[in-house]
PDB file of N, CA and C in Angstrom:
ATOM      1  N   MET A   1     -13.151  -3.488   8.734  1.00  0.00           N
ATOM      2  CA  MET A   1     -12.553  -3.619   8.925  1.00  0.00           C
ATOM      3  C   MET A   1     -11.554  -3.523   6.951  1.00  0.00           C
ATOM      4  N   ALA A   2     -10.580  -2.946   6.644  1.00  0.00           N
ATOM      5  CA  ALA A   2     -10.389  -2.698   5.340  1.00  0.00           C
ATOM      6  C   ALA A   2      -9.492  -3.616   5.125  1.00  0.00           C
ATOM      7  N   GLN A   3      -9.349  -4.709   4.105  1.00  0.00           N
ATOM      8  CA  GLN A   3      -8.551  -5.746   4.670  1.00  0.00           C
ATOM      9  C   GLN A   3      -7.012  -5.118   3.838  1.00  0.00           C
ATOM     10  N   VAL A   4      -7.209  -4.336   2.911  1.00  0.00           N
ATOM     11  CA  VAL A   4      -6.499  -4.077   1.985  1.00  0.00           C
ATOM     12  C   VAL A   4      -6.410  -2.442   2.225  1.00  0.00           C
ATOM     13  N   LEU A   5      -5.158  -1.958   2.479  1.00  0.00           N
ATOM     14  CA  LEU A   5      -4.998  -0.364   2.831  1.00  0.00           C
ATOM     15  C   LEU A   5      -4.403   0.271   1.993  1.00  0.00           C
ATOM     16  N   ALA A   6      -4.599   1.739   1.428  1.00  0.00           N
ATOM     17  CA  ALA A   6      -3.674   2.105   0.300  1.00  0.00           C
ATOM     18  C   ALA A   6      -3.589   3.775   0.584  1.00  0.00           C
ATOM     19  N   LEU A   7      -2.230   4.183   0.432  1.00  0.00           N
ATOM     20  CA  LEU A   7      -1.958   5.348   0.276  1.00  0.00           C
ATOM     21  C   LEU A   7      -1.777   5.724  -0.951  1.00  0.00           C
ATOM     22  N   ILE A   8      -2.642   6.385  -1.640  1.00  0.00           N
ATOM     23  CA  ILE A   8      -2.986   6.567  -2.905  1.00  0.00           C
ATOM     24  C   ILE A   8      -3.894   8.061  -3.317  1.00  0.00           C
ATOM     25  N   ASP A   9      -3.139   8.774  -4.203  1.00  0.00           N
ATOM     26  CA  ASP A   9      -3.701   9.656  -4.471  1.00  0.00           C
ATOM     27  C   ASP A   9      -4.346   9.701  -6.003  1.00  0.00           C
ATOM     28  N   ASP A  10      -4.263   8.897  -6.800  1.00  0.00           N
ATOM     29  CA  ASP A  10      -4.499   8.883  -8.352  1.00  0.00           C
ATOM     30  C   ASP A  10      -5.687   8.005  -8.375  1.00  0.00           C
ATOM     31  N   ILE A  11      -6.740   8.809  -8.217  1.00  0.00           N
ATOM     32  CA  ILE A  11      -7.884   8.712  -8.431  1.00  0.00           C
ATOM     33  C   ILE A  11      -8.267   7.010  -9.228  1.00  0.00           C
ATOM     34  N   PHE A  12      -7.564   7.344 -10.594  1.00  0.00           N
ATOM     35  CA  PHE A  12      -7.898   6.087 -11.641  1.00  0.00           C
ATOM     36  C   PHE A  12      -6.995   5.241 -10.865  1.00  0.00           C
ATOM     37  N   PHE A  13      -5.881   5.092 -10.509  1.00  0.00           N
ATOM     38  CA  PHE A  13      -5.661   3.837  -9.780  1.00  0.00           C
ATOM     39  C   PHE A  13      -6.140   3.257  -8.706  1.00  0.00           C
ATOM     40  N   GLN A  14      -7.046   4.235  -8.135  1.00  0.00           N
ATOM     41  CA  GLN A  14      -7.723   4.030  -6.852  1.00  0.00           C
ATOM     42  C   GLN A  14      -8.679   2.916  -7.177  1.00  0.00           C
ATOM     43  N   ALA A  15      -9.289   3.334  -8.165  1.00  0.00           N
ATOM     44  CA  ALA A  15     -10.574   2.932  -8.953  1.00  0.00           C
ATOM     45  C   ALA A  15      -9.979   1.050  -9.440  1.00  0.00           C
ATOM     46  N   LYS A  16      -8.625   1.545 -10.178  1.00  0.00           N
ATOM     47  CA  LYS A  16      -8.421   0.121 -10.587  1.00  0.00           C
ATOM     48  C   LYS A  16      -7.933  -0.815  -9.297  1.00  0.00           C
ATOM     49  N   ILE A  17      -7.339  -0.474  -8.389  1.00  0.00           N
ATOM     50  CA  ILE A  17      -6.998  -1.213  -6.961  1.00  0.00           C
ATOM     51  C   ILE A  17      -8.499  -1.914  -6.332  1.00  0.00           C
ATOM     52  N   GLY A  18      -9.158  -1.100  -6.356  1.00  0.00           N
ATOM     53  CA  GLY A  18     -10.280  -1.065  -5.578  1.00  0.00           C
ATOM     54  C   GLY A  18     -11.023  -2.294  -6.328  1.00  0.00           C
ATOM     55  N   GLU A  19     -11.492  -1.969  -7.513  1.00  0.00           N
ATOM     56  CA  GLU A  19     -12.313  -3.048  -8.580  1.00  0.00           C
ATOM     57  C   GLU A  19     -11.700  -4.464  -8.571  1.00  0.00           C
ATOM     58  N   THR A  20     -10.534  -4.305  -8.322  1.00  0.00           N
ATOM     59  CA  THR A  20      -9.473  -5.775  -8.513  1.00  0.00           C
ATOM     60  C   THR A  20      -9.631  -6.581  -7.030  1.00  0.00           C
ATOM     61  N   ALA A  21      -9.720  -5.390  -5.957  1.00  0.00           N
ATOM     62  CA  ALA A  21      -9.891  -6.201  -4.651  1.00  0.00           C
ATOM     63  C   ALA A  21     -11.469  -6.602  -4.539  1.00  0.00           C
ATOM     64  N   LYS A  22     -11.941  -5.843  -5.216  1.00  0.00           N
ATOM     65  CA  LYS A  22     -13.707  -6.248  -5.042  1.00  0.00           C
ATOM     66  C   LYS A  22     -13.900  -7.625  -5.728  1.00  0.00           C
ATOM     67  N   GLN A  23     -13.142  -8.258  -7.055  1.00  0.00           N
ATOM     68  CA  GLN A  23     -13.166  -9.082  -7.776  1.00  0.00           C
ATOM     69  C   GLN A  23     -12.978  -9.836  -6.830  1.00  0.00           C
ATOM     70  N   LEU A  24     -11.923  -9.599  -5.786  1.00  0.00           N
ATOM     71  CA  LEU A  24     -11.375 -10.664  -5.068  1.00  0.00           C
ATOM     72  C   LEU A  24     -11.847 -11.350  -3.634  1.00  0.00           C
ATOM     73  N   GLY A  25     -13.030 -10.231  -3.319  1.00  0.00           N
ATOM     74  CA  GLY A  25     -13.931 -10.603  -2.618  1.00  0.00           C
ATOM     75  C   GLY A  25     -13.434  -9.716  -1.220  1.00  0.00           C
ATOM     76  N   LEU A  26     -11.943  -9.031  -1.574  1.00  0.00           N
ATOM     77  CA  LEU A  26     -11.749  -7.993  -0.284  1.00  0.00           C
ATOM     78  C   LEU A  26     -12.070  -6.467  -0.062  1.00  0.00           C
ATOM     79  N   GLU A  27     -11.878  -6.121   0.956  1.00  0.00           N
ATOM     80  CA  GLU A  27     -12.637  -4.832   1.559  1.00  0.00           C
ATOM     81  C   GLU A  27     -11.293  -3.711   1.511  1.00  0.00           C
ATOM     82  N   PHE A  28     -11.686  -2.858   0.529  1.00  0.00           N
ATOM     83  CA  PHE A  28     -10.572  -1.760   0.032  1.00  0.00           C
ATOM     84  C   PHE A  28     -10.578  -0.611   0.763  1.00  0.00           C
ATOM     85  N   ARG A  29      -9.755   0.422   1.406  1.00  0.00           N
ATOM     86  CA  ARG A  29      -9.863   1.727   1.484  1.00  0.00           C
ATOM     87  C   ARG A  29      -8.812   2.244   1.130  1.00  0.00           C
ATOM     88  N   ALA A  30      -9.202   3.806   0.409  1.00  0.00           N
ATOM     89  CA  ALA A  30      -7.579   4.311  -0.110  1.00  0.00           C
ATOM     90  C   ALA A  30      -7.960   5.503   0.859  1.00  0.00           C
ATOM     91  N   CYS A  31      -6.470   6.219   1.301  1.00  0.00           N
ATOM     92  CA  CYS A  31      -6.087   7.133   1.995  1.00  0.00           C
ATOM     93  C   CYS A  31      -5.365   8.168   0.780  1.00  0.00           C
ATOM     94  N   THR A  32      -5.674   9.366   1.080  1.00  0.00           N
ATOM     95  CA  THR A  32      -4.946  10.732   0.542  1.00  0.00           C
ATOM     96  C   THR A  32      -3.591  11.143   0.880  1.00  0.00           C
ATOM     97  N   THR A  33      -4.050  10.941   2.827  1.00  0.00           N
ATOM     98  CA  THR A  33      -2.890  11.190   3.492  1.00  0.00           C
ATOM     99  C   THR A  33      -2.393  10.661   4.543  1.00  0.00           C
ATOM    100  N   VAL A  34      -1.256  10.859   5.038  1.00  0.00           N
ATOM    101  CA  VAL A  34      -0.916  10.144   5.893  1.00  0.00           C
ATOM    102  C   VAL A  34      -1.621  10.054   7.352  1.00  0.00           C
ATOM    103  N   ASP A  35      -1.776  11.159   7.786  1.00  0.00           N
ATOM    104  CA  ASP A  35      -2.423  11.026   8.812  1.00  0.00           C
ATOM    105  C   ASP A  35      -3.861  10.076   8.494  1.00  0.00           C
ATOM    106  N   ALA A  36      -4.318   9.924   7.560  1.00  0.00           N
ATOM    107  CA  ALA A  36      -6.114   9.217   7.175  1.00  0.00           C
ATOM    108  C   ALA A  36      -5.356   7.818   7.536  1.00  0.00           C
ATOM    109  N   LEU A  37      -4.239   7.728   7.063  1.00  0.00           N
ATOM    110  CA  LEU A  37      -3.687   6.322   6.771  1.00  0.00           C
ATOM    111  C   LEU A  37      -3.593   5.672   8.293  1.00  0.00           C
ATOM    112  N   GLU A  38      -2.920   6.831   9.301  1.00  0.00           N
ATOM    113  CA  GLU A  38      -2.865   6.451  10.571  1.00  0.00           C
ATOM    114  C   GLU A  38      -3.955   6.210  11.101  1.00  0.00           C
ATOM    115  N   SER A  39      -4.777   6.813  10.753  1.00  0.00           N
ATOM    116  CA  SER A  39      -6.056   6.596  11.334  1.00  0.00           C
ATOM    117  C   SER A  39      -6.848   5.227  11.500  1.00  0.00           C
ATOM    118  N   GLU A  40      -6.823   4.884  10.025  1.00  0.00           N
ATOM    119  CA  GLU A  40      -7.283   3.813   9.462  1.00  0.00           C
ATOM    120  C   GLU A  40      -6.950   2.568  10.326  1.00  0.00           C
ATOM    121  N   LEU A  41      -4.869   2.735  10.766  1.00  0.00           N
ATOM    122  CA  LEU A  41      -4.414   1.405  10.973  1.00  0.00           C
ATOM    123  C   LEU A  41      -4.637   1.471  12.452  1.00  0.00           C
ATOM    124  N   THR A  42      -4.993   2.443  13.166  1.00  0.00           N
ATOM    125  CA  THR A  42      -5.438   2.680  14.862  1.00  0.00           C
ATOM    126  C   THR A  42      -6.948   1.353  14.602  1.00  0.00           C
ATOM    127  N   ARG A  43      -7.783   1.765  13.954  1.00  0.00           N
ATOM    128  CA  ARG A  43      -8.707   1.313  14.291  1.00  0.00           C
ATOM    129  C   ARG A  43      -8.629  -0.702  14.405  1.00  0.00           C
ATOM    130  N   GLU A  44      -8.222  -0.920  13.179  1.00  0.00           N
ATOM    131  CA  GLU A  44      -7.973  -2.375  13.119  1.00  0.00           C
ATOM    132  C   GLU A  44      -7.007  -2.344  11.976  1.00  0.00           C
ATOM    133  N   PRO A  45      -5.811  -3.263  12.277  1.00  0.00           N
ATOM    134  CA  PRO A  45      -4.740  -3.220  11.055  1.00  0.00           C
ATOM    135  C   PRO A  45      -5.055  -4.121  10.076  1.00  0.00           C
ATOM    136  N   PRO A  46      -5.156  -3.635   9.031  1.00  0.00           N
ATOM    137  CA  PRO A  46      -5.391  -4.555   7.845  1.00  0.00           C
ATOM    138  C   PRO A  46      -4.042  -5.807   7.629  1.00  0.00           C
ATOM    139  N   LYS A  47      -4.592  -6.336   6.798  1.00  0.00           N
ATOM    140  CA  LYS A  47      -3.606  -7.639   6.536  1.00  0.00           C
ATOM    141  C   LYS A  47      -2.786  -6.801   5.352  1.00  0.00           C
ATOM    142  N   LEU A  48      -2.783  -6.212   4.282  1.00  0.00           N
ATOM    143  CA  LEU A  48      -1.840  -5.507   3.658  1.00  0.00           C
ATOM    144  C   LEU A  48      -2.219  -3.993   3.257  1.00  0.00           C
ATOM    145  N   VAL A  49      -0.890  -2.946   3.178  1.00  0.00           N
ATOM    146  CA  VAL A  49      -0.843  -1.971   3.050  1.00  0.00           C
ATOM    147  C   VAL A  49       0.228  -1.761   1.515  1.00  0.00           C
ATOM    148  N   VAL A  50      -0.661  -0.807   0.695  1.00  0.00           N
ATOM    149  CA  VAL A  50       0.027  -0.323  -0.072  1.00  0.00           C
ATOM    150  C   VAL A  50       0.074   0.973  -0.436  1.00  0.00           C
ATOM    151  N   ILE A  51       1.530   1.397  -0.667  1.00  0.00           N
ATOM    152  CA  ILE A  51       1.575   2.552  -0.359  1.00  0.00           C
ATOM    153  C   ILE A  51       2.040   2.869  -2.166  1.00  0.00           C
ATOM    154  N   ASP A  52       1.788   4.096  -2.514  1.00  0.00           N
ATOM    155  CA  ASP A  52       1.941   4.894  -3.762  1.00  0.00           C
ATOM    156  C   ASP A  52       3.718   5.696  -3.215  1.00  0.00           C
ATOM    157  N   LEU A  53       4.680   5.272  -3.935  1.00  0.00           N
ATOM    158  CA  LEU A  53       5.580   5.503  -3.325  1.00  0.00           C
ATOM    159  C   LEU A  53       5.854   7.884  -4.400  1.00  0.00           C
ATOM    160  N   ASN A  54       4.726   7.597  -5.014  1.00  0.00           N
ATOM    161  CA  ASN A  54       4.875   8.802  -5.852  1.00  0.00           C
ATOM    162  C   ASN A  54       3.587   9.786  -5.448  1.00  0.00           C
ATOM    163  N   ALA A  55       3.096   9.426  -4.601  1.00  0.00           N
ATOM    164  CA  ALA A  55       1.893  10.343  -3.960  1.00  0.00           C
ATOM    165  C   ALA A  55       2.229  11.331  -3.302  1.00  0.00           C
ATOM    166  N   ARG A  56       1.476  12.375  -3.525  1.00  0.00           N
ATOM    167  CA  ARG A  56       1.656  13.820  -2.747  1.00  0.00           C
ATOM    168  C   ARG A  56       2.225  13.658  -1.195  1.00  0.00           C
ATOM    169  N   ALA A  57       1.313  13.091  -0.808  1.00  0.00           N
ATOM    170  CA  ALA A  57       1.455  13.217   0.596  1.00  0.00           C
ATOM    171  C   ALA A  57       2.912  12.420   0.828  1.00  0.00           C
ATOM    172  N   ASN A  58       3.540  12.552   2.304  1.00  0.00           N
ATOM    173  CA  ASN A  58       4.733  11.946   2.597  1.00  0.00           C
ATOM    174  C   ASN A  58       4.587  10.306   2.517  1.00  0.00           C
ATOM    175  N   PRO A  59       4.946   9.604   1.346  1.00  0.00           N
ATOM    176  CA  PRO A  59       5.036   8.173   1.505  1.00  0.00           C
ATOM    177  C   PRO A  59       6.117   7.707   2.305  1.00  0.00           C
ATOM    178  N   LEU A  60       7.355   8.123   2.497  1.00  0.00           N
ATOM    179  CA  LEU A  60       8.040   7.777   3.434  1.00  0.00           C
ATOM    180  C   LEU A  60       8.096   7.739   4.803  1.00  0.00           C
ATOM    181  N   ASP A  61       6.807   8.924   4.870  1.00  0.00           N
ATOM    182  CA  ASP A  61       6.654   8.986   6.567  1.00  0.00           C
ATOM    183  C   ASP A  61       5.271   7.576   7.089  1.00  0.00           C
ATOM    184  N   ALA A  62       4.322   7.637   5.800  1.00  0.00           N
ATOM    185  CA  ALA A  62       3.915   6.704   5.848  1.00  0.00           C
ATOM    186  C   ALA A  62       4.334   5.428   6.147  1.00  0.00           C
ATOM    187  N   ILE A  63       5.358   5.251   5.745  1.00  0.00           N
ATOM    188  CA  ILE A  63       5.909   3.835   5.894  1.00  0.00           C
ATOM    189  C   ILE A  63       6.316   3.514   7.253  1.00  0.00           C
ATOM    190  N   SER A  64       6.957   4.655   7.420  1.00  0.00           N
ATOM    191  CA  SER A  64       7.307   4.662   8.769  1.00  0.00           C
ATOM    192  C   SER A  64       6.348   4.558   9.950  1.00  0.00           C
ATOM    193  N   ARG A  65       5.344   5.213   9.691  1.00  0.00           N
ATOM    194  CA  ARG A  65       3.768   5.106  10.499  1.00  0.00           C
ATOM    195  C   ARG A  65       3.206   3.436  10.746  1.00  0.00           C
ATOM    196  N   VAL A  66       3.537   2.706   9.338  1.00  0.00           N
ATOM    197  CA  VAL A  66       2.865   1.524   9.037  1.00  0.00           C
ATOM    198  C   VAL A  66       4.151   0.603  10.037  1.00  0.00           C
ATOM    199  N   THR A  67       5.213   0.709  10.313  1.00  0.00           N
ATOM    200  CA  THR A  67       6.075  -0.186  10.472  1.00  0.00           C
ATOM    201  C   THR A  67       5.975   0.275  12.140  1.00  0.00           C
ATOM    202  N   MET A  68       5.313   1.279  12.546  1.00  0.00           N
ATOM    203  CA  MET A  68       5.221   1.402  14.194  1.00  0.00           C
ATOM    204  C   MET A  68       3.775   0.911  14.518  1.00  0.00           C
ATOM    205  N   SER A  69       3.050   1.244  13.643  1.00  0.00           N
ATOM    206  CA  SER A  69       1.472   0.928  13.898  1.00  0.00           C
ATOM    207  C   SER A  69       1.256  -0.722  13.937  1.00  0.00           C
ATOM    208  N   ALA A  70       1.450  -1.099  12.550  1.00  0.00           N
ATOM    209  CA  ALA A  70       1.163  -2.691  12.521  1.00  0.00           C
ATOM    210  C   ALA A  70       2.069  -3.288  12.100  1.00  0.00           C
ATOM    211  N   GLN A  71       3.095  -3.979  12.654  1.00  0.00           N
ATOM    212  CA  GLN A  71       4.196  -4.465  12.531  1.00  0.00           C
ATOM    213  C   GLN A  71       3.960  -5.643  11.385  1.00  0.00           C
ATOM    214  N   ALA A  72       2.781  -6.547  12.034  1.00  0.00           N
ATOM    215  CA  ALA A  72       2.541  -8.040  11.263  1.00  0.00           C
ATOM    216  C   ALA A  72       1.743  -7.471  10.178  1.00  0.00           C
ATOM    217  N   THR A  73       1.735  -6.127   9.445  1.00  0.00           N
ATOM    218  CA  THR A  73       0.722  -5.905   8.685  1.00  0.00           C
ATOM    219  C   THR A  73       2.185  -5.917   7.190  1.00  0.00           C
ATOM    220  N   ALA A  74       1.512  -6.732   6.108  1.00  0.00           N
ATOM    221  CA  ALA A  74       2.318  -7.011   4.858  1.00  0.00           C
ATOM    222  C   ALA A  74       2.452  -5.365   3.978  1.00  0.00           C
ATOM    223  N   LEU A  75       3.536  -4.890   3.690  1.00  0.00           N
ATOM    224  CA  LEU A  75       3.465  -3.537   3.261  1.00  0.00           C
ATOM    225  C   LEU A  75       4.401  -3.793   2.166  1.00  0.00           C
ATOM    226  N   ILE A  76       3.248  -2.898   0.526  1.00  0.00           N
ATOM    227  CA  ILE A  76       4.199  -2.907   0.041  1.00  0.00           C
ATOM    228  C   ILE A  76       4.044  -1.553  -1.010  1.00  0.00           C
ATOM    229  N   GLY A  77       4.953  -0.930  -1.700  1.00  0.00           N
ATOM    230  CA  GLY A  77       5.563  -0.047  -2.158  1.00  0.00           C
ATOM    231  C   GLY A  77       5.798  -0.207  -3.802  1.00  0.00           C
ATOM    232  N   PHE A  78       5.333   1.035  -4.219  1.00  0.00           N
ATOM    233  CA  PHE A  78       5.314   0.857  -5.735  1.00  0.00           C
ATOM    234  C   PHE A  78       5.291   2.379  -6.473  1.00  0.00           C
ATOM    235  N   LEU A  79       6.392   2.273  -7.571  1.00  0.00           N
ATOM    236  CA  LEU A  79       6.675   3.622  -8.073  1.00  0.00           C
ATOM    237  C   LEU A  79       7.319   3.351  -9.387  1.00  0.00           C
ATOM    238  N   SER A  80       7.978   4.584 -10.166  1.00  0.00           N
ATOM    239  CA  SER A  80       8.495   4.629 -11.287  1.00  0.00           C
ATOM    240  C   SER A  80       9.621   3.619 -11.241  1.00  0.00           C
ATOM    241  N   HIS A  81       9.947   2.692 -12.472  1.00  0.00           N
ATOM    242  CA  HIS A  81      10.817   1.692 -12.206  1.00  0.00           C
ATOM    243  C   HIS A  81      12.395   2.287 -12.417  1.00  0.00           C
ATOM    244  N   VAL A  82      12.056   4.027 -12.598  1.00  0.00           N
ATOM    245  CA  VAL A  82      13.669   4.659 -13.080  1.00  0.00           C
ATOM    246  C   VAL A  82      13.987   5.344 -11.337  1.00  0.00           C
ATOM    247  N   GLN A  83      12.734   5.253 -10.826  1.00  0.00           N
ATOM    248  CA  GLN A  83      13.252   6.190  -9.198  1.00  0.00           C
ATOM    249  C   GLN A  83      14.078   5.266  -8.207  1.00  0.00           C
ATOM    250  N   VAL A  84      15.408   4.759  -8.778  1.00  0.00           N
ATOM    251  CA  VAL A  84      16.160   3.636  -7.620  1.00  0.00           C
ATOM    252  C   VAL A  84      16.530   4.321  -5.866  1.00  0.00           C
ATOM    253  N   ASP A  85      16.595   5.716  -6.074  1.00  0.00           N
ATOM    254  CA  ASP A  85      17.069   6.495  -5.312  1.00  0.00           C
ATOM    255  C   ASP A  85      15.868   6.352  -4.200  1.00  0.00           C
ATOM    256  N   LEU A  86      14.657   6.535  -4.622  1.00  0.00           N
ATOM    257  CA  LEU A  86      13.426   6.870  -3.663  1.00  0.00           C
ATOM    258  C   LEU A  86      13.199   5.237  -3.420  1.00  0.00           C
ATOM    259  N   ALA A  87      13.702   4.229  -4.188  1.00  0.00           N
ATOM    260  CA  ALA A  87      12.907   2.833  -3.954  1.00  0.00           C
ATOM    261  C   ALA A  87      14.235   2.340  -2.589  1.00  0.00           C
ATOM    262  N   GLU A  88      15.147   2.820  -2.760  1.00  0.00           N
ATOM    263  CA  GLU A  88      16.147   2.962  -1.557  1.00  0.00           C
ATOM    264  C   GLU A  88      15.948   3.348   0.106  1.00  0.00           C
ATOM    265  N   LYS A  89      15.527   4.524  -0.461  1.00  0.00           N
ATOM    266  CA  LYS A  89      14.674   5.326   0.908  1.00  0.00           C
ATOM    267  C   LYS A  89      13.435   4.237   1.444  1.00  0.00           C
ATOM    268  N   ALA A  90      12.737   4.088   0.410  1.00  0.00           N
ATOM    269  CA  ALA A  90      11.573   3.148   1.003  1.00  0.00           C
ATOM    270  C   ALA A  90      11.690   2.188   1.826  1.00  0.00           C
ATOM    271  N   ARG A  91      12.813   0.874   1.464  1.00  0.00           N
ATOM    272  CA  ARG A  91      13.904   0.109   2.125  1.00  0.00           C
ATOM    273  C   ARG A  91      14.224   0.471   3.446  1.00  0.00           C
ATOM    274  N   ALA A  92      14.859   1.783   3.171  1.00  0.00           N
ATOM    275  CA  ALA A  92      15.364   2.080   4.368  1.00  0.00           C
ATOM    276  C   ALA A  92      14.395   2.781   5.656  1.00  0.00           C
ATOM    277  N   ALA A  93      13.097   2.746   5.236  1.00  0.00           N
ATOM    278  CA  ALA A  93      11.857   3.700   6.104  1.00  0.00           C
ATOM    279  C   ALA A  93      11.413   1.911   6.903  1.00  0.00           C
ATOM    280  N   GLY A  94      11.727   1.070   5.668  1.00  0.00           N
ATOM    281  CA  GLY A  94      11.107   0.002   6.060  1.00  0.00           C
ATOM    282  C   GLY A  94      10.114  -0.743   5.528  1.00  0.00           C
ATOM    283  N   CYS A  95       9.736  -0.628   4.673  1.00  0.00           N
ATOM    284  CA  CYS A  95       9.396  -1.442   3.239  1.00  0.00           C
ATOM    285  C   CYS A  95      10.104  -2.045   2.731  1.00  0.00           C
ATOM    286  N   ARG A  96       9.974  -3.362   2.907  1.00  0.00           N
ATOM    287  CA  ARG A  96      10.641  -4.791   2.637  1.00  0.00           C
ATOM    288  C   ARG A  96      10.357  -4.930   1.239  1.00  0.00           C
ATOM    289  N   GLU A  97       8.829  -5.073   0.589  1.00  0.00           N
ATOM    290  CA  GLU A  97       8.675  -5.262  -0.898  1.00  0.00           C
ATOM    291  C   GLU A  97       8.584  -3.978  -1.642  1.00  0.00           C
ATOM    292  N   VAL A  98       9.400  -3.605  -2.508  1.00  0.00           N
ATOM    293  CA  VAL A  98       9.256  -2.032  -3.224  1.00  0.00           C
ATOM    294  C   VAL A  98       9.528  -2.887  -4.571  1.00  0.00           C
ATOM    295  N   MET A  99       8.432  -2.397  -5.418  1.00  0.00           N
ATOM    296  CA  MET A  99       8.468  -2.777  -6.957  1.00  0.00           C
ATOM    297  C   MET A  99       8.028  -1.412  -7.869  1.00  0.00           C
ATOM    298  N   PRO A 100       8.417  -1.857  -9.194  1.00  0.00           N
ATOM    299  CA  PRO A 100       7.836  -1.101 -10.299  1.00  0.00           C
ATOM    300  C   PRO A 100       6.154  -0.689 -10.225  1.00  0.00           C
ATOM    301  N   ARG A 101       6.060   0.304 -10.633  1.00  0.00           N
ATOM    302  CA  ARG A 101       4.405   0.521 -11.008  1.00  0.00           C
ATOM    303  C   ARG A 101       3.769  -0.612 -12.106  1.00  0.00           C
ATOM    304  N   SER A 102       4.863  -0.814 -12.830  1.00  0.00           N
ATOM    305  CA  SER A 102       4.432  -1.540 -13.937  1.00  0.00           C
ATOM    306  C   SER A 102       3.971  -3.548 -13.432  1.00  0.00           C
ATOM    307  N   LYS A 103       4.803  -3.657 -12.494  1.00  0.00           N
ATOM    308  CA  LYS A 103       5.274  -4.853 -11.709  1.00  0.00           C
ATOM    309  C   LYS A 103       3.908  -5.103 -11.126  1.00  0.00           C
ATOM    310  N   PHE A 104       3.728  -3.861 -10.289  1.00  0.00           N
ATOM    311  CA  PHE A 104       2.925  -3.940  -9.354  1.00  0.00           C
ATOM    312  C   PHE A 104       1.144  -4.021 -10.075  1.00  0.00           C
ATOM    313  N   THR A 105       1.142  -3.333 -11.409  1.00  0.00           N
ATOM    314  CA  THR A 105       0.024  -3.654 -12.165  1.00  0.00           C
ATOM    315  C   THR A 105      -0.069  -4.809 -12.409  1.00  0.00           C
ATOM    316  N   GLN A 106       0.647  -5.235 -13.108  1.00  0.00           N
ATOM    317  CA  GLN A 106       0.752  -6.404 -13.860  1.00  0.00           C
ATOM    318  C   GLN A 106       0.463  -7.618 -12.578  1.00  0.00           C
ATOM    319  N   ASN A 107       0.940  -7.800 -11.615  1.00  0.00           N
ATOM    320  CA  ASN A 107       0.405  -8.850 -10.720  1.00  0.00           C
ATOM    321  C   ASN A 107      -0.637  -8.217  -9.542  1.00  0.00           C
ATOM    322  N   MET A 108      -1.465  -7.603 -10.179  1.00  0.00           N
ATOM    323  CA  MET A 108      -2.116  -7.022  -8.646  1.00  0.00           C
ATOM    324  C   MET A 108      -3.228  -7.728  -8.401  1.00  0.00           C
ATOM    325  N   ALA A 109      -3.778  -8.759  -8.838  1.00  0.00           N
ATOM    326  CA  ALA A 109      -4.459  -9.707  -8.728  1.00  0.00           C
ATOM    327  C   ALA A 109      -3.811 -10.587  -7.472  1.00  0.00           C
ATOM    328  N   THR A 110      -2.997 -10.992  -7.873  1.00  0.00           N
ATOM    329  CA  THR A 110      -1.990 -11.745  -7.224  1.00  0.00           C
ATOM    330  C   THR A 110      -1.556 -11.349  -5.592  1.00  0.00           C
ATOM    331  N   ILE A 111      -0.967 -10.110  -5.665  1.00  0.00           N
ATOM    332  CA  ILE A 111      -0.516  -9.376  -4.775  1.00  0.00           C
ATOM    333  C   ILE A 111      -1.717  -9.015  -3.706  1.00  0.00           C
ATOM    334  N   LEU A 112      -2.988  -8.374  -4.129  1.00  0.00           N
ATOM    335  CA  LEU A 112      -4.017  -8.027  -3.195  1.00  0.00           C
ATOM    336  C   LEU A 112      -4.522  -9.565  -2.840  1.00  0.00           C
ATOM    337  N   GLY A 113      -4.426 -10.580  -3.459  1.00  0.00           N
ATOM    338  CA  GLY A 113      -4.947 -11.809  -3.216  1.00  0.00           C
ATOM    339  C   GLY A 113      -4.320 -12.321  -1.799  1.00  0.00           C
ATOM    340  N   ARG A 114      -2.846 -11.961  -1.656  1.00  0.00           N
ATOM    341  CA  ARG A 114      -2.210 -12.376  -0.198  1.00  0.00           C
ATOM    342  C   ARG A 114      -3.231 -11.855   1.037  1.00  0.00           C
ATOM    343  N   ALA A 115      -4.022 -10.428   1.025  1.00  0.00           N
ATOM    344  CA  ALA A 115      -4.394 -10.563   2.139  1.00  0.00           C
ATOM    345  C   ALA A 115      -5.590 -11.299   2.469  1.00  0.00           C
ATOM    346  N   LYS A 116      -5.813 -12.377   1.574  1.00  0.00           N
ATOM    347  CA  LYS A 116      -6.763 -13.470   2.062  1.00  0.00           C
ATOM    348  C   LYS A 116      -6.148 -14.433   2.580  1.00  0.00           C
ATOM    349  N   SER A 117      -4.915 -15.122   1.977  1.00  0.00           N
ATOM    350  CA  SER A 117      -4.221 -15.717   1.992  1.00  0.00           C
ATOM    351  C   SER A 117      -3.384 -16.343   3.551  1.00  0.00           C
ATOM    352  N   ASP A 118      -2.823 -14.502   3.777  1.00  0.00           N
ATOM    353  CA  ASP A 118      -2.224 -14.334   4.623  1.00  0.00           C
ATOM    354  C   ASP A 118      -3.246 -14.926   6.417  1.00  0.00           C
ATOM    355  N   PRO A 119      -2.658 -15.112   7.307  1.00  0.00           N
ATOM    356  CA  PRO A 119      -3.480 -15.688   8.619  1.00  0.00           C
ATOM    357  C   PRO A 119      -3.108 -14.189   9.393  1.00  0.00           C
TER     358      PRO A 119
END
């Protein structure tokens, strides 16, 4: 079971998240499509789902599927800080926590560490 699951198609950022998760002792799995993400969710819900709101897959659809499939799972979306409209759409789709990519990057260890401390 992946404790941290992400919808992200940027392979360099995937590696960065994966390395941080590894250092924290967390299992990480990245998906590049919404269907793959949903498939992972049905196996066993992760503790944390991270969604790149700039992914080529439909990230808003991914948010909807996560909230329907694993309601207890923490969900975080990140995007460019200038994309205010997209941030609002993500919140409307069910993503309670949306932050700029820079903030996510700066606080990545703390954010991913929630997967260890959440029940």
